[in-house]
Each structure stands twice: as C-alpha cells, then as structure tokens.
C-alpha cells in the first residue's frame, strides 16, 4: 500500500515531456537562474557521463572542459529549474558510466559519433 502511495505522489512531480538521451550524448541543458528579482536561462553544454536513480529522483551528470579544466555538473531530470534538454549529437559508447573520461585530455576525450537514420 505504501509503495502505491509513494508512486502516486512521485508521479505528480515528474515531467511528462522528458527528451530521450543516452550516456555519451552531447547535450545543452537549459537551467533557470534567479539573479535578484530577474530570472534568466543559462545553458550548460557537455557530454552525459552518467545517469542514476529512478522516478522523480533520477539524476544525470554532464561534463565539459572549460579553460583546460574539467567541470562536471549533476542535474535532477525532473526539476522545474531544468527547462530544456537539447541533444546535439549522439556517440557510440560501451559503458554505463563514462568516468574514464576524467583521466583523459585533449583529443582522447572525443567519442565516435553515432549516425541516426
């Protein structure tokens, strides 16, 4: 009984229009940011290196290189602050988590592109 109740409560807070993306995809994550009384949208572009959790607690990690330094950011998938997720390109990967990219530098970070029909 309690599991059913939890699922109903969780379903109310989940987004219905979540785009399909996989590990290794290069995405643009549009997040809403409050600056004083103004609200603006900030875009974080990078490669999805991990997904974790399920239901309303699902998270994904995006990694990018800024000024030669690796930056990772975790986003809740169903958060109202995440306004949009745009898939720029898909890559062929053979792992569920791409943590090995943390140790790589330069051209070694590149992933082979997946062609879609």
Protein backbone atom coordinates (compact mmCIF):
# COMPACT_ATOMS: atom_id res chain seq x y z
CA UNK A 1 0.00 0.00 0.00
CA UNK A 2 2.72 2.49 0.92
CA UNK A 3 4.57 1.77 -2.34
CA UNK A 4 1.47 2.65 -4.36
CA UNK A 5 1.04 5.85 -2.39
CA UNK A 6 4.70 6.78 -2.98
CA UNK A 7 4.35 6.14 -6.71
CA UNK A 8 1.29 8.39 -6.93
CA UNK A 9 2.99 11.22 -5.04
CA UNK A 10 6.12 10.80 -7.16
CA UNK A 11 4.15 10.79 -10.43
CA UNK A 12 2.68 14.22 -9.63
CA UNK A 13 6.15 15.81 -9.50
CA UNK A 14 7.51 14.16 -12.67
CA UNK A 15 7.72 15.88 -16.05
CA UNK A 16 5.79 14.35 -18.92
CA UNK A 17 7.94 15.70 -21.77
CA UNK A 18 11.45 14.48 -20.91
CA UNK A 19 13.55 14.12 -24.09
CA UNK A 20 15.29 10.82 -24.86
CA UNK A 21 19.05 10.94 -24.36
CA UNK A 22 21.67 8.35 -23.51
CA UNK A 23 25.11 8.14 -21.95
CA UNK A 24 27.70 9.65 -24.31
CA UNK A 25 25.30 12.16 -25.89
CA UNK A 26 26.37 15.78 -26.12
CA UNK A 27 23.56 17.90 -24.69
CA UNK A 28 22.64 21.50 -23.92
CA UNK A 29 20.95 21.76 -20.52
CA UNK A 30 18.91 24.98 -20.13
CA UNK A 31 18.59 25.91 -16.45
CA UNK A 32 16.61 28.75 -14.92
CA UNK A 33 18.70 31.00 -12.69
CA UNK A 34 17.41 33.69 -10.32
CA UNK A 35 19.52 36.86 -10.14
CA UNK A 36 17.86 39.19 -7.69
CA UNK A 37 14.31 39.52 -8.99
CA UNK A 38 15.16 38.63 -12.59
CA UNK A 39 15.08 35.12 -13.96
CA UNK A 40 17.27 34.07 -16.86
CA UNK A 41 18.17 30.86 -18.65
CA UNK A 42 21.73 29.57 -18.57
CA UNK A 43 22.95 26.85 -20.94
CA UNK A 44 25.42 24.18 -19.81
CA UNK A 45 26.78 22.13 -22.75
CA UNK A 46 28.68 18.90 -22.37
CA UNK A 47 28.76 15.12 -22.56
CA UNK A 48 26.44 12.99 -20.44
CA UNK A 49 28.76 10.70 -18.48
CA UNK A 50 26.29 9.14 -16.03
CA UNK A 51 22.63 8.63 -15.17
CA UNK A 52 21.45 7.45 -11.78
CA UNK A 53 18.31 6.97 -9.75
CA UNK A 54 14.78 6.33 -10.93
CA UNK A 55 11.43 8.06 -10.91
CA UNK A 56 11.45 11.62 -9.64
CA UNK A 57 14.92 11.12 -8.12
CA UNK A 58 16.63 10.48 -11.46
CA UNK A 59 19.84 12.49 -11.99
CA UNK A 60 22.31 12.87 -14.84
CA UNK A 61 25.88 14.16 -14.88
CA UNK A 62 27.22 16.39 -17.65
CA UNK A 63 30.94 17.00 -18.15
CA UNK A 64 32.68 19.69 -20.20
CA UNK A 65 36.12 21.25 -20.45
CA UNK A 66 36.38 24.96 -19.58
CA UNK A 67 39.74 26.72 -19.97
CA UNK A 68 41.60 23.39 -19.83
CA UNK A 69 39.84 22.34 -16.62
CA UNK A 70 37.15 19.65 -16.43
CA UNK A 71 33.80 20.76 -15.00
CA UNK A 72 31.04 18.33 -14.05
CA UNK A 73 27.53 19.19 -13.00
CA UNK A 74 24.71 16.95 -11.80
CA UNK A 75 21.14 17.81 -12.76
CA UNK A 76 17.86 16.37 -11.48
CA UNK A 77 15.99 15.20 -14.57
CA UNK A 78 12.52 16.20 -13.35
CA UNK A 79 13.50 19.51 -11.69
CA UNK A 80 11.43 22.59 -12.56
CA UNK A 81 14.74 24.53 -12.77
CA UNK A 82 15.80 22.43 -15.78
CA UNK A 83 13.69 23.98 -18.52
CA UNK A 84 15.01 22.11 -21.56
CA UNK A 85 17.47 19.41 -22.62
CA UNK A 86 18.60 19.56 -26.25
CA UNK A 87 20.56 16.62 -27.72
CA UNK A 88 23.29 17.97 -30.03
CA UNK A 89 24.95 14.70 -31.03
CA UNK A 90 24.95 11.05 -30.05
CA UNK A 91 28.02 8.90 -29.53
CA UNK A 92 28.75 5.20 -29.55
CA UNK A 93 29.70 4.01 -26.05
CA UNK A 94 30.07 0.59 -24.46
CA UNK A 95 29.81 1.60 -20.81
CA UNK A 96 27.02 2.70 -18.49
CA UNK A 97 29.26 5.27 -16.79
CA UNK A 98 31.96 7.23 -18.63
CA UNK A 99 34.09 8.11 -15.61
CA UNK A 100 37.23 7.13 -17.56
CA UNK A 101 36.89 10.44 -19.47
CA UNK A 102 38.00 12.26 -16.30
CA UNK A 103 41.55 10.99 -16.79
CA UNK A 104 41.73 11.92 -20.48
CA UNK A 105 42.94 15.18 -22.00
CA UNK A 106 42.57 16.79 -25.44
CA UNK A 107 41.67 14.62 -28.40
CA UNK A 108 41.48 11.49 -26.22
CA UNK A 109 38.18 12.80 -24.80
CA UNK A 110 36.44 12.54 -28.19
CA UNK A 111 33.82 9.84 -28.71
CA UNK A 112 32.82 8.23 -32.01
CA UNK A 113 29.60 9.73 -33.38
CA UNK A 114 26.51 7.58 -33.84
CA UNK A 115 24.74 8.05 -37.17
CA UNK A 116 20.96 8.14 -36.89
CA UNK A 117 18.58 7.47 -39.76
